Amino acid sequence: MTDYLKTTKKSTLIGGISFLLLLLAITALSLPFLKQLNFNYVTTFYISRLAIWFCLLLVYMYSLYVEKQNFLLWKEKKYSLLFYVKSVVTTMGTLVLVVLVVSLMFKLSGSDIESQKIDEIMKYFTNNIPLILFTSITAGITEELFFRGYLIPRLEIVLKNTYLAIILSSIIFGLIHYSYGTLIQIVGPFFIGLVLAFHYQKYRNIKIVILCHFLWDLLVLLNKTSLVQ
């Protein structure tokens, strides 16, 4: 981290963070924009996910040619296969517990936990395994690389506070889910982001959080589509 600060100005890091947030804002608007072009919803969704991959490429190029540094500032640590298995199981269990607690709190408060928009979207995922897999893979890889791999280390340098960096990155992660229509769709991802962020900060292994994110989205989509049928 210290060597990095010797060669890169904080203004460049802030520029990279701002660039990332701008791209995320644009991709968040891509889906409603593409719907105006009269594509069917499945095609529109595929294009919007491909746009996210393109954004990842742009941010990677920024880190390489503007920051002149690796995309991932934290050196990737290696672990045994047993550690990977235990880590994934533990993290997935923690995510389930966190989401259950958040859902219970919303129910007790009388807040709406159902999203008509998500229910409508799930109709297009029903019996469409390629779309489910592509969506889960895209979310698992790109969102973890964006929010955990790229964002947290740079926020930590700029803010000089590890916990503030984790919290802020998780808030942003929650906010990108605002379009799903209910408050729980922001609060839930915020806490999911916290779990994944703390794991990445502690163990410095992006592959584990990518796998957990992929599995989480895959299981959620499979469950949601089975309920829609």
Foldseek 3Di string as FASTA:
>chain_A
DVVLCVQFPLVLLVVLLVLLLVLLVVLLCQLVVVVVVVDPNLVSVVVSLVSLVVSLVVSQVSCCPVSVHGQFPFDADDDDPVCLVVLLVVLLVVLVVLLVVLVVVCVVVVFDPDFPLVLVVLVVVAVPVVSLLSVLLSCLPSVLSSLARRQQVSCCVVVVDNVVSQQVSLQSQLVSQCVSPGPCSSVSSSVSSSSLNVVCVVNVHSVSSSVNSSVVSSVVSVVSSVVSD
